[in-house]
PDB file of N, CA and C in Angstrom:
ATOM      1  N   MET A   1       0.819  -1.190   0.000  1.00  0.00           N
ATOM      2  CA  MET A   1       0.000   0.000   0.000  1.00  0.00           C
ATOM      3  C   MET A   1       0.860   1.249   0.000  1.00  0.00           C
ATOM      4  N   ASP A   2       1.967   1.172   0.670  1.00  0.00           N
ATOM      5  CA  ASP A   2       2.881   2.294   0.747  1.00  0.00           C
ATOM      6  C   ASP A   2       3.441   2.626  -0.636  1.00  0.00           C
ATOM      7  N   ASP A   3       3.771   1.579  -1.397  1.00  0.00           N
ATOM      8  CA  ASP A   3       4.286   1.790  -2.750  1.00  0.00           C
ATOM      9  C   ASP A   3       3.203   2.363  -3.656  1.00  0.00           C
ATOM     10  N   GLU A   4       1.984   1.939  -3.459  1.00  0.00           N
ATOM     11  CA  GLU A   4       0.863   2.440  -4.250  1.00  0.00           C
ATOM     12  C   GLU A   4       0.651   3.925  -3.983  1.00  0.00           C
ATOM     13  N   LEU A   5       0.734   4.326  -2.751  1.00  0.00           N
ATOM     14  CA  LEU A   5       0.577   5.729  -2.367  1.00  0.00           C
ATOM     15  C   LEU A   5       1.709   6.569  -2.957  1.00  0.00           C
ATOM     16  N   LYS A   6       2.921   6.038  -2.917  1.00  0.00           N
ATOM     17  CA  LYS A   6       4.054   6.745  -3.498  1.00  0.00           C
ATOM     18  C   LYS A   6       3.869   6.928  -4.997  1.00  0.00           C
ATOM     19  N   ALA A   7       3.343   5.917  -5.668  1.00  0.00           N
ATOM     20  CA  ALA A   7       3.116   5.989  -7.107  1.00  0.00           C
ATOM     21  C   ALA A   7       2.059   7.046  -7.432  1.00  0.00           C
ATOM     22  N   VAL A   8       0.993   7.077  -6.654  1.00  0.00           N
ATOM     23  CA  VAL A   8      -0.066   8.073  -6.856  1.00  0.00           C
ATOM     24  C   VAL A   8       0.489   9.474  -6.625  1.00  0.00           C
ATOM     25  N   LEU A   9       1.243   9.649  -5.563  1.00  0.00           N
ATOM     26  CA  LEU A   9       1.842  10.951  -5.278  1.00  0.00           C
ATOM     27  C   LEU A   9       2.818  11.363  -6.379  1.00  0.00           C
ATOM     28  N   ALA A  10       3.589  10.427  -6.898  1.00  0.00           N
ATOM     29  CA  ALA A  10       4.531  10.721  -7.982  1.00  0.00           C
ATOM     30  C   ALA A  10       3.789  11.183  -9.228  1.00  0.00           C
ATOM     31  N   ARG A  11       2.664  10.502  -9.541  1.00  0.00           N
ATOM     32  CA  ARG A  11       1.857  10.905 -10.707  1.00  0.00           C
ATOM     33  C   ARG A  11       1.266  12.292 -10.490  1.00  0.00           C
ATOM     34  N   LEU A  12       0.806  12.586  -9.268  1.00  0.00           N
ATOM     35  CA  LEU A  12       0.249  13.907  -8.970  1.00  0.00           C
ATOM     36  C   LEU A  12       1.307  15.000  -9.114  1.00  0.00           C
ATOM     37  N   VAL A  13       2.488  14.731  -8.593  1.00  0.00           N
ATOM     38  CA  VAL A  13       3.582  15.701  -8.720  1.00  0.00           C
ATOM     39  C   VAL A  13       3.918  15.929 -10.196  1.00  0.00           C
ATOM     40  N   GLU A  14       3.981  14.845 -10.972  1.00  0.00           N
ATOM     41  CA  GLU A  14       4.269  14.952 -12.405  1.00  0.00           C
ATOM     42  C   GLU A  14       3.192  15.758 -13.121  1.00  0.00           C
ATOM     43  N   ARG A  15       1.928  15.492 -12.776  1.00  0.00           N
ATOM     44  CA  ARG A  15       0.817  16.209 -13.387  1.00  0.00           C
ATOM     45  C   ARG A  15       0.874  17.698 -13.041  1.00  0.00           C
ATOM     46  N   ILE A  16       1.184  18.006 -11.778  1.00  0.00           N
ATOM     47  CA  ILE A  16       1.284  19.410 -11.349  1.00  0.00           C
ATOM     48  C   ILE A  16       2.413  20.111 -12.097  1.00  0.00           C
ATOM     49  N   GLU A  17       3.548  19.448 -12.225  1.00  0.00           N
ATOM     50  CA  GLU A  17       4.671  20.036 -12.955  1.00  0.00           C
ATOM     51  C   GLU A  17       4.318  20.257 -14.420  1.00  0.00           C
ATOM     52  N   THR A  18       3.636  19.298 -15.014  1.00  0.00           N
ATOM     53  CA  THR A  18       3.214  19.424 -16.415  1.00  0.00           C
ATOM     54  C   THR A  18       2.245  20.588 -16.572  1.00  0.00           C
ATOM     55  N   GLU A  19       1.265  20.691 -15.672  1.00  0.00           N
ATOM     56  CA  GLU A  19       0.298  21.782 -15.743  1.00  0.00           C
ATOM     57  C   GLU A  19       0.979  23.132 -15.539  1.00  0.00           C
ATOM     58  N   SER A  20       1.940  23.178 -14.642  1.00  0.00           N
ATOM     59  CA  SER A  20       2.687  24.419 -14.432  1.00  0.00           C
ATOM     60  C   SER A  20       3.445  24.817 -15.688  1.00  0.00           C
ATOM     61  N   ALA A  21       4.046  23.854 -16.341  1.00  0.00           N
ATOM     62  CA  ALA A  21       4.780  24.128 -17.576  1.00  0.00           C
ATOM     63  C   ALA A  21       3.834  24.604 -18.674  1.00  0.00           C
ATOM     64  N   VAL A  22       2.675  23.972 -18.770  1.00  0.00           N
ATOM     65  CA  VAL A  22       1.684  24.363 -19.779  1.00  0.00           C
ATOM     66  C   VAL A  22       1.196  25.785 -19.491  1.00  0.00           C
ATOM     67  N   GLN A  23       0.924  26.082 -18.230  1.00  0.00           N
ATOM     68  CA  GLN A  23       0.471  27.422 -17.868  1.00  0.00           C
ATOM     69  C   GLN A  23       1.535  28.461 -18.182  1.00  0.00           C
ATOM     70  N   ALA A  24       2.778  28.164 -17.909  1.00  0.00           N
ATOM     71  CA  ALA A  24       3.869  29.090 -18.210  1.00  0.00           C
ATOM     72  C   ALA A  24       3.981  29.321 -19.716  1.00  0.00           C
ATOM     73  N   ALA A  25       3.878  28.249 -20.480  1.00  0.00           N
ATOM     74  CA  ALA A  25       3.933  28.374 -21.937  1.00  0.00           C
ATOM     75  C   ALA A  25       2.759  29.199 -22.445  1.00  0.00           C
ATOM     76  N   PHE A  26       1.577  28.969 -21.870  1.00  0.00           N
ATOM     77  CA  PHE A  26       0.398  29.730 -22.266  1.00  0.00           C
ATOM     78  C   PHE A  26       0.586  31.214 -21.962  1.00  0.00           C
ATOM     79  N   ARG A  27       1.130  31.528 -20.773  1.00  0.00           N
ATOM     80  CA  ARG A  27       1.370  32.930 -20.416  1.00  0.00           C
ATOM     81  C   ARG A  27       2.353  33.576 -21.386  1.00  0.00           C
ATOM     82  N   ASP A  28       3.406  32.833 -21.760  1.00  0.00           N
ATOM     83  CA  ASP A  28       4.379  33.360 -22.718  1.00  0.00           C
ATOM     84  C   ASP A  28       3.734  33.632 -24.072  1.00  0.00           C
ATOM     85  N   GLU A  29       2.931  32.690 -24.547  1.00  0.00           N
ATOM     86  CA  GLU A  29       2.242  32.869 -25.830  1.00  0.00           C
ATOM     87  C   GLU A  29       1.270  34.047 -25.767  1.00  0.00           C
ATOM     88  N   GLN A  30       0.569  34.144 -24.651  1.00  0.00           N
ATOM     89  CA  GLN A  30      -0.385  35.241 -24.475  1.00  0.00           C
ATOM     90  C   GLN A  30       0.337  36.590 -24.482  1.00  0.00           C
ATOM     91  N   ALA A  31       1.467  36.683 -23.808  1.00  0.00           N
ATOM     92  CA  ALA A  31       2.238  37.924 -23.776  1.00  0.00           C
ATOM     93  C   ALA A  31       2.760  38.277 -25.168  1.00  0.00           C
ATOM     94  N   ALA A  32       3.223  37.287 -25.909  1.00  0.00           N
ATOM     95  CA  ALA A  32       3.717  37.527 -27.268  1.00  0.00           C
ATOM     96  C   ALA A  32       2.587  37.993 -28.168  1.00  0.00           C
ATOM     97  N   PHE A  33       1.419  37.375 -28.030  1.00  0.00           N
ATOM     98  CA  PHE A  33       0.259  37.765 -28.831  1.00  0.00           C
ATOM     99  C   PHE A  33      -0.158  39.196 -28.507  1.00  0.00           C
ATOM    100  N   ARG A  34      -0.199  39.516 -27.226  1.00  0.00           N
ATOM    101  CA  ARG A  34      -0.569  40.888 -26.828  1.00  0.00           C
ATOM    102  C   ARG A  34       0.416  41.902 -27.399  1.00  0.00           C
ATOM    103  N   ALA A  35       1.702  41.585 -27.345  1.00  0.00           N
ATOM    104  CA  ALA A  35       2.712  42.498 -27.877  1.00  0.00           C
ATOM    105  C   ALA A  35       2.529  42.694 -29.384  1.00  0.00           C
ATOM    106  N   GLU A  36       2.247  41.604 -30.077  1.00  0.00           N
ATOM    107  CA  GLU A  36       2.038  41.680 -31.528  1.00  0.00           C
ATOM    108  C   GLU A  36       0.804  42.508 -31.868  1.00  0.00           C
ATOM    109  N   VAL A  37      -0.282  42.266 -31.162  1.00  0.00           N
ATOM    110  CA  VAL A  37      -1.523  43.005 -31.411  1.00  0.00           C
ATOM    111  C   VAL A  37      -1.337  44.489 -31.082  1.00  0.00           C
ATOM    112  N   THR A  38      -0.649  44.770 -29.983  1.00  0.00           N
ATOM    113  CA  THR A  38      -0.397  46.155 -29.604  1.00  0.00           C
ATOM    114  C   THR A  38       0.420  46.862 -30.677  1.00  0.00           C
ATOM    115  N   ALA A  39       1.433  46.201 -31.196  1.00  0.00           N
ATOM    116  CA  ALA A  39       2.260  46.799 -32.253  1.00  0.00           C
ATOM    117  C   ALA A  39       1.425  47.057 -33.504  1.00  0.00           C
ATOM    118  N   GLU A  40       0.562  46.125 -33.853  1.00  0.00           N
ATOM    119  CA  GLU A  40      -0.281  46.307 -35.033  1.00  0.00           C
ATOM    120  C   GLU A  40      -1.258  47.465 -34.843  1.00  0.00           C
ATOM    121  N   PHE A  41      -1.850  47.564 -33.644  1.00  0.00           N
ATOM    122  CA  PHE A  41      -2.768  48.673 -33.386  1.00  0.00           C
ATOM    123  C   PHE A  41      -2.043  50.011 -33.423  1.00  0.00           C
ATOM    124  N   LYS A  42      -0.811  50.057 -32.921  1.00  0.00           N
ATOM    125  CA  LYS A  42      -0.042  51.296 -32.979  1.00  0.00           C
ATOM    126  C   LYS A  42       0.224  51.690 -34.425  1.00  0.00           C
ATOM    127  N   ALA A  43       0.552  50.714 -35.261  1.00  0.00           N
ATOM    128  CA  ALA A  43       0.799  50.989 -36.679  1.00  0.00           C
ATOM    129  C   ALA A  43      -0.468  51.479 -37.360  1.00  0.00           C
ATOM    130  N   ILE A  44      -1.586  50.855 -37.058  1.00  0.00           N
ATOM    131  CA  ILE A  44      -2.865  51.278 -37.643  1.00  0.00           C
ATOM    132  C   ILE A  44      -3.211  52.683 -37.177  1.00  0.00           C
ATOM    133  N   HIS A  45      -2.998  52.951 -35.899  1.00  0.00           N
ATOM    134  CA  HIS A  45      -3.283  54.286 -35.357  1.00  0.00           C
ATOM    135  C   HIS A  45      -2.434  55.347 -36.054  1.00  0.00           C
ATOM    136  N   ALA A  46      -1.151  55.053 -36.246  1.00  0.00           N
ATOM    137  CA  ALA A  46      -0.263  55.997 -36.925  1.00  0.00           C
ATOM    138  C   ALA A  46      -0.727  56.235 -38.361  1.00  0.00           C
ATOM    139  N   GLU A  47      -1.158  55.185 -39.034  1.00  0.00           N
ATOM    140  CA  GLU A  47      -1.631  55.325 -40.418  1.00  0.00           C
ATOM    141  C   GLU A  47      -2.900  56.165 -40.479  1.00  0.00           C
ATOM    142  N   PHE A  48      -3.814  55.947 -39.544  1.00  0.00           N
ATOM    143  CA  PHE A  48      -5.037  56.763 -39.519  1.00  0.00           C
ATOM    144  C   PHE A  48      -4.711  58.225 -39.240  1.00  0.00           C
ATOM    145  N   ARG A  49      -3.758  58.473 -38.348  1.00  0.00           N
ATOM    146  CA  ARG A  49      -3.364  59.854 -38.058  1.00  0.00           C
ATOM    147  C   ARG A  49      -2.786  60.490 -39.320  1.00  0.00           C
ATOM    148  N   HIS A  50      -1.945  59.735 -40.045  1.00  0.00           N
ATOM    149  CA  HIS A  50      -1.356  60.231 -41.289  1.00  0.00           C
ATOM    150  C   HIS A  50      -2.459  60.529 -42.315  1.00  0.00           C
ATOM    151  N   LEU A  51      -3.413  59.623 -42.430  1.00  0.00           N
ATOM    152  CA  LEU A  51      -4.510  59.848 -43.377  1.00  0.00           C
ATOM    153  C   LEU A  51      -5.339  61.067 -42.984  1.00  0.00           C
ATOM    154  N   GLY A  52      -5.565  61.255 -41.685  1.00  0.00           N
ATOM    155  CA  GLY A  52      -6.311  62.422 -41.216  1.00  0.00           C
ATOM    156  C   GLY A  52      -5.611  63.718 -41.587  1.00  0.00           C
ATOM    157  N   GLU A  53      -4.285  63.729 -41.452  1.00  0.00           N
ATOM    158  CA  GLU A  53      -3.509  64.914 -41.823  1.00  0.00           C
ATOM    159  C   GLU A  53      -3.611  65.180 -43.320  1.00  0.00           C
ATOM    160  N   ARG A  54      -3.545  64.115 -44.109  1.00  0.00           N
ATOM    161  CA  ARG A  54      -3.656  64.281 -45.566  1.00  0.00           C
ATOM    162  C   ARG A  54      -5.034  64.803 -45.958  1.00  0.00           C
ATOM    163  N   VAL A  55      -6.072  64.287 -45.328  1.00  0.00           N
ATOM    164  CA  VAL A  55      -7.438  64.747 -45.621  1.00  0.00           C
ATOM    165  C   VAL A  55      -7.568  66.221 -45.269  1.00  0.00           C
ATOM    166  N   ALA A  56      -7.009  66.630 -44.134  1.00  0.00           N
ATOM    167  CA  ALA A  56      -7.080  68.033 -43.728  1.00  0.00           C
ATOM    168  C   ALA A  56      -6.381  68.925 -44.755  1.00  0.00           C
ATOM    169  N   ARG A  57      -5.222  68.473 -45.261  1.00  0.00           N
ATOM    170  CA  ARG A  57      -4.518  69.270 -46.273  1.00  0.00           C
ATOM    171  C   ARG A  57      -5.337  69.371 -47.555  1.00  0.00           C
ATOM    172  N   VAL A  58      -5.940  68.264 -47.967  1.00  0.00           N
ATOM    173  CA  VAL A  58      -6.761  68.271 -49.186  1.00  0.00           C
ATOM    174  C   VAL A  58      -7.968  69.186 -48.998  1.00  0.00           C
ATOM    175  N   GLU A  59      -8.599  69.125 -47.832  1.00  0.00           N
ATOM    176  CA  GLU A  59      -9.742  70.005 -47.578  1.00  0.00           C
ATOM    177  C   GLU A  59      -9.319  71.472 -47.650  1.00  0.00           C
ATOM    178  N   GLY A  60      -8.140  71.788 -47.106  1.00  0.00           N
ATOM    179  CA  GLY A  60      -7.636  73.165 -47.171  1.00  0.00           C
ATOM    180  C   GLY A  60      -7.424  73.609 -48.604  1.00  0.00           C
ATOM    181  N   ARG A  61      -6.843  72.732 -49.417  1.00  0.00           N
ATOM    182  CA  ARG A  61      -6.636  73.073 -50.831  1.00  0.00           C
ATOM    183  C   ARG A  61      -7.961  73.270 -51.553  1.00  0.00           C
ATOM    184  N   LEU A  62      -8.925  72.419 -51.253  1.00  0.00           N
ATOM    185  CA  LEU A  62     -10.238  72.561 -51.894  1.00  0.00           C
ATOM    186  C   LEU A  62     -10.901  73.878 -51.513  1.00  0.00           C
ATOM    187  N   GLU A  63     -10.773  74.268 -50.263  1.00  0.00           N
ATOM    188  CA  GLU A  63     -11.341  75.557 -49.843  1.00  0.00           C
ATOM    189  C   GLU A  63     -10.678  76.707 -50.584  1.00  0.00           C
ATOM    190  N   GLU A  64      -9.345  76.651 -50.709  1.00  0.00           N
ATOM    191  CA  GLU A  64      -8.631  77.700 -51.433  1.00  0.00           C
ATOM    192  C   GLU A  64      -9.092  77.764 -52.888  1.00  0.00           C
ATOM    193  N   GLN A  65      -9.189  76.622 -53.534  1.00  0.00           N
ATOM    194  CA  GLN A  65      -9.619  76.599 -54.932  1.00  0.00           C
ATOM    195  C   GLN A  65     -11.051  77.091 -55.078  1.00  0.00           C
ATOM    196  N   SER A  66     -11.891  76.737 -54.119  1.00  0.00           N
ATOM    197  CA  SER A  66     -13.282  77.185 -54.163  1.00  0.00           C
ATOM    198  C   SER A  66     -13.352  78.705 -54.084  1.00  0.00           C
ATOM    199  N   LYS A  67     -12.538  79.306 -53.209  1.00  0.00           N
ATOM    200  CA  LYS A  67     -12.537  80.768 -53.086  1.00  0.00           C
ATOM    201  C   LYS A  67     -12.032  81.414 -54.363  1.00  0.00           C
ATOM    202  N   VAL A  68     -10.988  80.838 -54.954  1.00  0.00           N
ATOM    203  CA  VAL A  68     -10.456  81.379 -56.207  1.00  0.00           C
ATOM    204  C   VAL A  68     -11.510  81.296 -57.300  1.00  0.00           C
ATOM    205  N   LEU A  69     -12.201  80.179 -57.367  1.00  0.00           N
ATOM    206  CA  LEU A  69     -13.253  80.025 -58.386  1.00  0.00           C
ATOM    207  C   LEU A  69     -14.391  81.002 -58.157  1.00  0.00           C
ATOM    208  N   GLN A  70     -14.766  81.214 -56.915  1.00  0.00           N
ATOM    209  CA  GLN A  70     -15.836  82.173 -56.622  1.00  0.00           C
ATOM    210  C   GLN A  70     -15.439  83.568 -57.063  1.00  0.00           C
ATOM    211  N   VAL A  71     -14.196  83.952 -56.800  1.00  0.00           N
ATOM    212  CA  VAL A  71     -13.717  85.276 -57.219  1.00  0.00           C
ATOM    213  C   VAL A  71     -13.680  85.363 -58.738  1.00  0.00           C
ATOM    214  N   ALA A  72     -13.201  84.306 -59.390  1.00  0.00           N
ATOM    215  CA  ALA A  72     -13.122  84.305 -60.855  1.00  0.00           C
ATOM    216  C   ALA A  72     -14.516  84.372 -61.472  1.00  0.00           C
ATOM    217  N   LEU A  73     -15.450  83.616 -60.923  1.00  0.00           N
ATOM    218  CA  LEU A  73     -16.816  83.644 -61.465  1.00  0.00           C
ATOM    219  C   LEU A  73     -17.488  84.977 -61.194  1.00  0.00           C
ATOM    220  N   ALA A  74     -17.240  85.544 -60.059  1.00  0.00           N
ATOM    221  CA  ALA A  74     -17.842  86.851 -59.741  1.00  0.00           C
ATOM    222  C   ALA A  74     -17.333  87.907 -60.699  1.00  0.00           C
ATOM    223  N   GLY A  75     -16.075  87.815 -61.146  1.00  0.00           N
ATOM    224  CA  GLY A  75     -15.519  88.760 -62.084  1.00  0.00           C
ATOM    225  C   GLY A  75     -16.102  88.591 -63.469  1.00  0.00           C
ATOM    226  N   ARG A  76     -16.624  87.454 -63.793  1.00  0.00           N
ATOM    227  CA  ARG A  76     -17.191  87.196 -65.130  1.00  0.00           C
ATOM    228  C   ARG A  76     -18.673  87.568 -65.216  1.00  0.00           C
ATOM    229  N   LEU A  77     -19.325  87.734 -64.088  1.00  0.00           N
ATOM    230  CA  LEU A  77     -20.758  88.062 -64.126  1.00  0.00           C
ATOM    231  C   LEU A  77     -20.936  89.465 -64.677  1.00  0.00           C
ATOM    232  N   PRO A  78     -21.916  89.622 -65.558  1.00  0.00           N
ATOM    233  CA  PRO A  78     -22.155  90.969 -66.096  1.00  0.00           C
ATOM    234  C   PRO A  78     -22.654  91.875 -64.966  1.00  0.00           C
ATOM    235  N   ARG A  79     -22.166  93.100 -65.002  1.00  0.00           N
ATOM    236  CA  ARG A  79     -22.597  94.042 -63.977  1.00  0.00           C
ATOM    237  C   ARG A  79     -23.719  94.884 -64.518  1.00  0.00           C
ATOM    238  N   LYS A  80     -24.665  95.141 -63.639  1.00  0.00           N
ATOM    239  CA  LYS A  80     -25.800  95.982 -64.036  1.00  0.00           C
ATOM    240  C   LYS A  80     -25.344  97.446 -63.946  1.00  0.00           C
ATOM    241  N   PRO A  81     -25.748  98.203 -64.895  1.00  0.00           N
ATOM    242  CA  PRO A  81     -25.388  99.621 -64.822  1.00  0.00           C
ATOM    243  C   PRO A  81     -26.096 100.268 -63.621  1.00  0.00           C
ATOM    244  N   ALA A  82     -25.447 101.235 -63.029  1.00  0.00           N
ATOM    245  CA  ALA A  82     -26.046 101.924 -61.890  1.00  0.00           C
ATOM    246  C   ALA A  82     -27.301 102.647 -62.341  1.00  0.00           C
ATOM    247  N   ALA A  83     -28.289 102.595 -61.518  1.00  0.00           N
ATOM    248  CA  ALA A  83     -29.571 103.211 -61.904  1.00  0.00           C
ATOM    249  C   ALA A  83     -29.586 104.682 -61.702  1.00  0.00           C
TER     250      ALA A  83
END
């Protein structure tokens, strides 16, 4: 009976060590995944910021062109003689 108990305890210790190793490996994989996802989100965020800046510049150019066109069109409209 003593040998049987020792065998059961040995299997339990082995199982605990195996589970600890699996948990450690899982934590490592989880940390690596989080780091990868964080890096990807940072890259996406930077790209969106860059796109936002480009859109703002394009909007500014469009406003400038619109004002120039308004001035040019206003100069082409026939003027009514003063009454």
